[in-house]
PDB file of N, CA and C in Angstrom:
ATOM      1  N   MET A   1       0.818  -1.185   0.000  1.00  0.00           N
ATOM      2  CA  MET A   1       0.000   0.000   0.000  1.00  0.00           C
ATOM      3  C   MET A   1       0.870   1.260   0.000  1.00  0.00           C
ATOM      4  N   LEU A   2       1.933   1.235   0.761  1.00  0.00           N
ATOM      5  CA  LEU A   2       2.837   2.380   0.815  1.00  0.00           C
ATOM      6  C   LEU A   2       3.454   2.639  -0.555  1.00  0.00           C
ATOM      7  N   PHE A   3       3.860   1.594  -1.258  1.00  0.00           N
ATOM      8  CA  PHE A   3       4.435   1.733  -2.599  1.00  0.00           C
ATOM      9  C   PHE A   3       3.428   2.337  -3.566  1.00  0.00           C
ATOM     10  N   GLY A   4       2.185   1.914  -3.492  1.00  0.00           N
ATOM     11  CA  GLY A   4       1.133   2.432  -4.363  1.00  0.00           C
ATOM     12  C   GLY A   4       0.837   3.905  -4.116  1.00  0.00           C
ATOM     13  N   THR A   5       1.103   4.371  -2.915  1.00  0.00           N
ATOM     14  CA  THR A   5       0.883   5.769  -2.573  1.00  0.00           C
ATOM     15  C   THR A   5       2.064   6.631  -3.004  1.00  0.00           C
ATOM     16  N   LEU A   6       3.267   6.122  -2.832  1.00  0.00           N
ATOM     17  CA  LEU A   6       4.463   6.906  -3.122  1.00  0.00           C
ATOM     18  C   LEU A   6       4.820   6.945  -4.601  1.00  0.00           C
ATOM     19  N   LEU A   7       4.461   5.940  -5.355  1.00  0.00           N
ATOM     20  CA  LEU A   7       4.828   5.892  -6.765  1.00  0.00           C
ATOM     21  C   LEU A   7       4.255   7.065  -7.567  1.00  0.00           C
ATOM     22  N   PRO A   8       2.978   7.383  -7.463  1.00  0.00           N
ATOM     23  CA  PRO A   8       2.464   8.542  -8.208  1.00  0.00           C
ATOM     24  C   PRO A   8       3.133   9.858  -7.792  1.00  0.00           C
ATOM     25  N   LEU A   9       3.400   9.999  -6.495  1.00  0.00           N
ATOM     26  CA  LEU A   9       4.069  11.199  -6.010  1.00  0.00           C
ATOM     27  C   LEU A   9       5.473  11.312  -6.602  1.00  0.00           C
ATOM     28  N   MET A  10       6.187  10.198  -6.629  1.00  0.00           N
ATOM     29  CA  MET A  10       7.538  10.185  -7.182  1.00  0.00           C
ATOM     30  C   MET A  10       7.521  10.483  -8.679  1.00  0.00           C
ATOM     31  N   GLN A  11       6.546   9.956  -9.406  1.00  0.00           N
ATOM     32  CA  GLN A  11       6.439  10.231 -10.838  1.00  0.00           C
ATOM     33  C   GLN A  11       6.148  11.711 -11.089  1.00  0.00           C
ATOM     34  N   LYS A  12       5.291  12.292 -10.275  1.00  0.00           N
ATOM     35  CA  LYS A  12       4.978  13.715 -10.421  1.00  0.00           C
ATOM     36  C   LYS A  12       6.208  14.576 -10.138  1.00  0.00           C
ATOM     37  N   MET A  13       6.948  14.238  -9.109  1.00  0.00           N
ATOM     38  CA  MET A  13       8.163  14.982  -8.777  1.00  0.00           C
ATOM     39  C   MET A  13       9.192  14.867  -9.901  1.00  0.00           C
ATOM     40  N   HIS A  14       9.306  13.682 -10.485  1.00  0.00           N
ATOM     41  CA  HIS A  14      10.237  13.473 -11.582  1.00  0.00           C
ATOM     42  C   HIS A  14       9.826  14.308 -12.800  1.00  0.00           C
ATOM     43  N   GLY A  15       8.535  14.350 -13.098  1.00  0.00           N
ATOM     44  CA  GLY A  15       8.028  15.159 -14.204  1.00  0.00           C
ATOM     45  C   GLY A  15       8.282  16.639 -13.979  1.00  0.00           C
ATOM     46  N   THR A  16       8.072  17.107 -12.749  1.00  0.00           N
ATOM     47  CA  THR A  16       8.325  18.509 -12.417  1.00  0.00           C
ATOM     48  C   THR A  16       9.801  18.844 -12.581  1.00  0.00           C
ATOM     49  N   LEU A  17      10.661  17.949 -12.158  1.00  0.00           N
ATOM     50  CA  LEU A  17      12.098  18.162 -12.310  1.00  0.00           C
ATOM     51  C   LEU A  17      12.484  18.210 -13.786  1.00  0.00           C
ATOM     52  N   ASP A  18      11.927  17.321 -14.592  1.00  0.00           N
ATOM     53  CA  ASP A  18      12.197  17.337 -16.036  1.00  0.00           C
ATOM     54  C   ASP A  18      11.761  18.659 -16.655  1.00  0.00           C
ATOM     55  N   ASP A  19      10.577  19.138 -16.272  1.00  0.00           N
ATOM     56  CA  ASP A  19      10.082  20.425 -16.786  1.00  0.00           C
ATOM     57  C   ASP A  19      11.045  21.559 -16.442  1.00  0.00           C
ATOM     58  N   LYS A  20      11.500  21.586 -15.210  1.00  0.00           N
ATOM     59  CA  LYS A  20      12.405  22.648 -14.771  1.00  0.00           C
ATOM     60  C   LYS A  20      13.748  22.568 -15.486  1.00  0.00           C
ATOM     61  N   GLN A  21      14.262  21.370 -15.687  1.00  0.00           N
ATOM     62  CA  GLN A  21      15.531  21.218 -16.388  1.00  0.00           C
ATOM     63  C   GLN A  21      15.415  21.662 -17.845  1.00  0.00           C
ATOM     64  N   MET A  22      14.319  21.313 -18.505  1.00  0.00           N
ATOM     65  CA  MET A  22      14.136  21.711 -19.898  1.00  0.00           C
ATOM     66  C   MET A  22      13.948  23.220 -20.003  1.00  0.00           C
ATOM     67  N   ARG A  23      13.232  23.807 -19.066  1.00  0.00           N
ATOM     68  CA  ARG A  23      13.043  25.263 -19.071  1.00  0.00           C
ATOM     69  C   ARG A  23      14.387  25.976 -18.850  1.00  0.00           C
ATOM     70  N   ALA A  24      15.201  25.441 -17.954  1.00  0.00           N
ATOM     71  CA  ALA A  24      16.527  26.029 -17.730  1.00  0.00           C
ATOM     72  C   ALA A  24      17.380  25.935 -18.994  1.00  0.00           C
ATOM     73  N   THR A  25      17.300  24.816 -19.695  1.00  0.00           N
ATOM     74  CA  THR A  25      18.043  24.659 -20.945  1.00  0.00           C
ATOM     75  C   THR A  25      17.511  25.614 -22.005  1.00  0.00           C
ATOM     76  N   ALA A  26      16.200  25.861 -22.017  1.00  0.00           N
ATOM     77  CA  ALA A  26      15.620  26.819 -22.966  1.00  0.00           C
ATOM     78  C   ALA A  26      16.146  28.227 -22.687  1.00  0.00           C
ATOM     79  N   TYR A  27      16.237  28.616 -21.417  1.00  0.00           N
ATOM     80  CA  TYR A  27      16.784  29.932 -21.082  1.00  0.00           C
ATOM     81  C   TYR A  27      18.265  30.019 -21.433  1.00  0.00           C
ATOM     82  N   GLU A  28      19.002  28.931 -21.239  1.00  0.00           N
ATOM     83  CA  GLU A  28      20.411  28.889 -21.636  1.00  0.00           C
ATOM     84  C   GLU A  28      20.529  29.046 -23.151  1.00  0.00           C
ATOM     85  N   THR A  29      19.638  28.388 -23.889  1.00  0.00           N
ATOM     86  CA  THR A  29      19.610  28.519 -25.346  1.00  0.00           C
ATOM     87  C   THR A  29      19.316  29.961 -25.743  1.00  0.00           C
ATOM     88  N   MET A  30      18.403  30.605 -25.025  1.00  0.00           N
ATOM     89  CA  MET A  30      18.072  31.996 -25.301  1.00  0.00           C
ATOM     90  C   MET A  30      19.294  32.889 -25.099  1.00  0.00           C
ATOM     91  N   HIS A  31      20.052  32.628 -24.056  1.00  0.00           N
ATOM     92  CA  HIS A  31      21.278  33.393 -23.791  1.00  0.00           C
ATOM     93  C   HIS A  31      22.301  33.195 -24.912  1.00  0.00           C
ATOM     94  N   GLU A  32      22.502  31.945 -25.305  1.00  0.00           N
ATOM     95  CA  GLU A  32      23.434  31.658 -26.399  1.00  0.00           C
ATOM     96  C   GLU A  32      22.952  32.281 -27.708  1.00  0.00           C
ATOM     97  N   ALA A  33      21.636  32.290 -27.930  1.00  0.00           N
ATOM     98  CA  ALA A  33      21.073  32.899 -29.135  1.00  0.00           C
ATOM     99  C   ALA A  33      21.339  34.399 -29.148  1.00  0.00           C
ATOM    100  N   ALA A  34      21.186  35.047 -28.013  1.00  0.00           N
ATOM    101  CA  ALA A  34      21.448  36.488 -27.932  1.00  0.00           C
ATOM    102  C   ALA A  34      22.901  36.793 -28.274  1.00  0.00           C
ATOM    103  N   LYS A  35      23.818  35.967 -27.784  1.00  0.00           N
ATOM    104  CA  LYS A  35      25.235  36.159 -28.117  1.00  0.00           C
ATOM    105  C   LYS A  35      25.466  35.952 -29.614  1.00  0.00           C
ATOM    106  N   THR A  36      24.797  34.954 -30.200  1.00  0.00           N
ATOM    107  CA  THR A  36      24.936  34.684 -31.634  1.00  0.00           C
ATOM    108  C   THR A  36      24.373  35.840 -32.461  1.00  0.00           C
ATOM    109  N   ILE A  37      23.246  36.389 -32.044  1.00  0.00           N
ATOM    110  CA  ILE A  37      22.640  37.517 -32.759  1.00  0.00           C
ATOM    111  C   ILE A  37      23.588  38.705 -32.762  1.00  0.00           C
ATOM    112  N   LEU A  38      24.185  39.005 -31.624  1.00  0.00           N
ATOM    113  CA  LEU A  38      25.116  40.131 -31.545  1.00  0.00           C
ATOM    114  C   LEU A  38      26.382  39.882 -32.354  1.00  0.00           C
ATOM    115  N   ALA A  39      26.868  38.651 -32.348  1.00  0.00           N
ATOM    116  CA  ALA A  39      28.127  38.340 -33.022  1.00  0.00           C
ATOM    117  C   ALA A  39      27.971  38.185 -34.533  1.00  0.00           C
ATOM    118  N   THR A  40      26.892  37.564 -34.993  1.00  0.00           N
ATOM    119  CA  THR A  40      26.788  37.224 -36.413  1.00  0.00           C
ATOM    120  C   THR A  40      25.599  37.876 -37.112  1.00  0.00           C
ATOM    121  N   GLY A  41      24.607  38.343 -36.348  1.00  0.00           N
ATOM    122  CA  GLY A  41      23.423  38.929 -36.962  1.00  0.00           C
ATOM    123  C   GLY A  41      22.372  37.916 -37.386  1.00  0.00           C
ATOM    124  N   ARG A  42      22.626  36.631 -37.176  1.00  0.00           N
ATOM    125  CA  ARG A  42      21.615  35.611 -37.512  1.00  0.00           C
ATOM    126  C   ARG A  42      20.380  35.821 -36.666  1.00  0.00           C
ATOM    127  N   ASP A  43      19.207  35.511 -37.224  1.00  0.00           N
ATOM    128  CA  ASP A  43      17.968  35.709 -36.472  1.00  0.00           C
ATOM    129  C   ASP A  43      17.243  34.413 -36.133  1.00  0.00           C
ATOM    130  N   SER A  44      17.863  33.267 -36.404  1.00  0.00           N
ATOM    131  CA  SER A  44      17.262  31.994 -36.020  1.00  0.00           C
ATOM    132  C   SER A  44      18.336  30.916 -35.961  1.00  0.00           C
ATOM    133  N   GLY A  45      17.991  29.841 -35.282  1.00  0.00           N
ATOM    134  CA  GLY A  45      18.914  28.717 -35.177  1.00  0.00           C
ATOM    135  C   GLY A  45      18.323  27.660 -34.274  1.00  0.00           C
ATOM    136  N   GLU A  46      19.105  26.627 -34.035  1.00  0.00           N
ATOM    137  CA  GLU A  46      18.654  25.560 -33.143  1.00  0.00           C
ATOM    138  C   GLU A  46      19.843  24.832 -32.565  1.00  0.00           C
ATOM    139  N   ARG A  47      19.568  24.166 -31.463  1.00  0.00           N
ATOM    140  CA  ARG A  47      20.574  23.287 -30.859  1.00  0.00           C
ATOM    141  C   ARG A  47      19.852  22.113 -30.236  1.00  0.00           C
ATOM    142  N   THR A  48      20.537  20.986 -30.184  1.00  0.00           N
ATOM    143  CA  THR A  48      19.952  19.763 -29.652  1.00  0.00           C
ATOM    144  C   THR A  48      20.689  19.396 -28.369  1.00  0.00           C
ATOM    145  N   ILE A  49      19.939  19.232 -27.307  1.00  0.00           N
ATOM    146  CA  ILE A  49      20.491  18.838 -26.013  1.00  0.00           C
ATOM    147  C   ILE A  49      19.731  17.605 -25.548  1.00  0.00           C
ATOM    148  N   ASN A  50      20.446  16.523 -25.304  1.00  0.00           N
ATOM    149  CA  ASN A  50      19.852  15.267 -24.821  1.00  0.00           C
ATOM    150  C   ASN A  50      18.667  14.818 -25.679  1.00  0.00           C
ATOM    151  N   GLY A  51      18.769  14.977 -26.979  1.00  0.00           N
ATOM    152  CA  GLY A  51      17.738  14.525 -27.894  1.00  0.00           C
ATOM    153  C   GLY A  51      16.574  15.486 -28.084  1.00  0.00           C
ATOM    154  N   THR A  52      16.575  16.612 -27.371  1.00  0.00           N
ATOM    155  CA  THR A  52      15.518  17.618 -27.510  1.00  0.00           C
ATOM    156  C   THR A  52      16.040  18.767 -28.354  1.00  0.00           C
ATOM    157  N   VAL A  53      15.269  19.158 -29.368  1.00  0.00           N
ATOM    158  CA  VAL A  53      15.664  20.257 -30.250  1.00  0.00           C
ATOM    159  C   VAL A  53      15.071  21.546 -29.700  1.00  0.00           C
ATOM    160  N   PHE A  54      15.952  22.513 -29.426  1.00  0.00           N
ATOM    161  CA  PHE A  54      15.559  23.840 -28.978  1.00  0.00           C
ATOM    162  C   PHE A  54      15.785  24.784 -30.151  1.00  0.00           C
ATOM    163  N   SER A  55      14.698  25.307 -30.726  1.00  0.00           N
ATOM    164  CA  SER A  55      14.776  26.212 -31.874  1.00  0.00           C
ATOM    165  C   SER A  55      14.543  27.634 -31.381  1.00  0.00           C
ATOM    166  N   TRP A  56      15.384  28.552 -31.848  1.00  0.00           N
ATOM    167  CA  TRP A  56      15.194  29.940 -31.449  1.00  0.00           C
ATOM    168  C   TRP A  56      14.993  30.821 -32.675  1.00  0.00           C
ATOM    169  N   ASN A  57      14.241  31.901 -32.460  1.00  0.00           N
ATOM    170  CA  ASN A  57      13.931  32.830 -33.535  1.00  0.00           C
ATOM    171  C   ASN A  57      13.827  34.232 -32.945  1.00  0.00           C
ATOM    172  N   TYR A  58      14.413  35.209 -33.643  1.00  0.00           N
ATOM    173  CA  TYR A  58      14.326  36.599 -33.197  1.00  0.00           C
ATOM    174  C   TYR A  58      13.594  37.402 -34.248  1.00  0.00           C
ATOM    175  N   ASP A  59      12.406  37.884 -33.882  1.00  0.00           N
ATOM    176  CA  ASP A  59      11.627  38.749 -34.765  1.00  0.00           C
ATOM    177  C   ASP A  59      11.353  40.024 -33.974  1.00  0.00           C
ATOM    178  N   THR A  60      10.239  40.109 -33.308  1.00  0.00           N
ATOM    179  CA  THR A  60       9.985  41.231 -32.409  1.00  0.00           C
ATOM    180  C   THR A  60      10.436  40.900 -30.992  1.00  0.00           C
ATOM    181  N   ALA A  61      10.587  39.618 -30.713  1.00  0.00           N
ATOM    182  CA  ALA A  61      11.087  39.138 -29.427  1.00  0.00           C
ATOM    183  C   ALA A  61      11.906  37.880 -29.692  1.00  0.00           C
ATOM    184  N   LEU A  62      12.799  37.583 -28.786  1.00  0.00           N
ATOM    185  CA  LEU A  62      13.603  36.368 -28.889  1.00  0.00           C
ATOM    186  C   LEU A  62      12.827  35.230 -28.234  1.00  0.00           C
ATOM    187  N   CYS A  63      12.499  34.204 -29.015  1.00  0.00           N
ATOM    188  CA  CYS A  63      11.703  33.076 -28.521  1.00  0.00           C
ATOM    189  C   CYS A  63      12.428  31.756 -28.753  1.00  0.00           C
ATOM    190  N   VAL A  64      12.254  30.846 -27.818  1.00  0.00           N
ATOM    191  CA  VAL A  64      12.795  29.493 -27.912  1.00  0.00           C
ATOM    192  C   VAL A  64      11.628  28.528 -27.856  1.00  0.00           C
ATOM    193  N   GLU A  65      11.594  27.596 -28.802  1.00  0.00           N
ATOM    194  CA  GLU A  65      10.542  26.582 -28.853  1.00  0.00           C
ATOM    195  C   GLU A  65      11.162  25.200 -28.696  1.00  0.00           C
ATOM    196  N   TYR A  66      10.453  24.329 -27.985  1.00  0.00           N
ATOM    197  CA  TYR A  66      10.895  22.945 -27.793  1.00  0.00           C
ATOM    198  C   TYR A  66       9.694  22.113 -27.399  1.00  0.00           C
ATOM    199  N   LYS A  67       9.857  20.807 -27.409  1.00  0.00           N
ATOM    200  CA  LYS A  67       8.817  19.889 -26.934  1.00  0.00           C
ATOM    201  C   LYS A  67       9.280  19.317 -25.604  1.00  0.00           C
ATOM    202  N   ASN A  68       8.393  19.377 -24.608  1.00  0.00           N
ATOM    203  CA  ASN A  68       8.758  18.862 -23.297  1.00  0.00           C
ATOM    204  C   ASN A  68       8.713  17.334 -23.280  1.00  0.00           C
ATOM    205  N   TYR A  69       8.960  16.756 -22.124  1.00  0.00           N
ATOM    206  CA  TYR A  69       9.049  15.290 -22.049  1.00  0.00           C
ATOM    207  C   TYR A  69       7.721  14.604 -22.345  1.00  0.00           C
ATOM    208  N   ARG A  70       6.605  15.344 -22.271  1.00  0.00           N
ATOM    209  CA  ARG A  70       5.292  14.789 -22.627  1.00  0.00           C
ATOM    210  C   ARG A  70       4.974  15.016 -24.096  1.00  0.00           C
ATOM    211  N   ASP A  71       5.954  15.531 -24.856  1.00  0.00           N
ATOM    212  CA  ASP A  71       5.827  15.833 -26.285  1.00  0.00           C
ATOM    213  C   ASP A  71       4.856  16.991 -26.549  1.00  0.00           C
ATOM    214  N   THR A  72       4.697  17.865 -25.567  1.00  0.00           N
ATOM    215  CA  THR A  72       3.856  19.049 -25.697  1.00  0.00           C
ATOM    216  C   THR A  72       4.737  20.232 -26.076  1.00  0.00           C
ATOM    217  N   PRO A  73       4.370  20.998 -27.101  1.00  0.00           N
ATOM    218  CA  PRO A  73       5.189  22.151 -27.491  1.00  0.00           C
ATOM    219  C   PRO A  73       5.197  23.235 -26.407  1.00  0.00           C
ATOM    220  N   GLU A  74       6.361  23.791 -26.177  1.00  0.00           N
ATOM    221  CA  GLU A  74       6.540  24.882 -25.212  1.00  0.00           C
ATOM    222  C   GLU A  74       7.245  26.024 -25.931  1.00  0.00           C
ATOM    223  N   THR A  75       6.909  27.249 -25.574  1.00  0.00           N
ATOM    224  CA  THR A  75       7.571  28.433 -26.122  1.00  0.00           C
ATOM    225  C   THR A  75       7.876  29.390 -24.981  1.00  0.00           C
ATOM    226  N   ILE A  76       9.106  29.883 -24.963  1.00  0.00           N
ATOM    227  CA  ILE A  76       9.536  30.863 -23.974  1.00  0.00           C
ATOM    228  C   ILE A  76      10.062  32.064 -24.745  1.00  0.00           C
ATOM    229  N   CYS A  77       9.574  33.255 -24.412  1.00  0.00           N
ATOM    230  CA  CYS A  77       9.998  34.466 -25.105  1.00  0.00           C
ATOM    231  C   CYS A  77      10.538  35.499 -24.129  1.00  0.00           C
ATOM    232  N   ALA A  78      11.549  36.234 -24.579  1.00  0.00           N
ATOM    233  CA  ALA A  78      12.074  37.390 -23.854  1.00  0.00           C
ATOM    234  C   ALA A  78      11.681  38.621 -24.640  1.00  0.00           C
ATOM    235  N   GLU A  79      10.978  39.489 -24.008  1.00  0.00           N
ATOM    236  CA  GLU A  79      10.490  40.688 -24.722  1.00  0.00           C
ATOM    237  C   GLU A  79      11.312  41.896 -24.389  1.00  0.00           C
TER     238      GLU A  79
END
């Protein structure tokens, strides 16, 4: 009974940790993109970290798009 109670909690905590790690990587990608924009003038690009593709684009705001561990699209923008 104890295992049945703790397993869902542990899975939720693991999912939350994955979300936070991917969001941190997206912000890191945004930082690297800003450096690339200043250095080369490029307005888009991508990088792959642990099998996840983080795509960035600079139009009116710098945005990073990726799919989280549940395969749901996420977008983070700096305005």
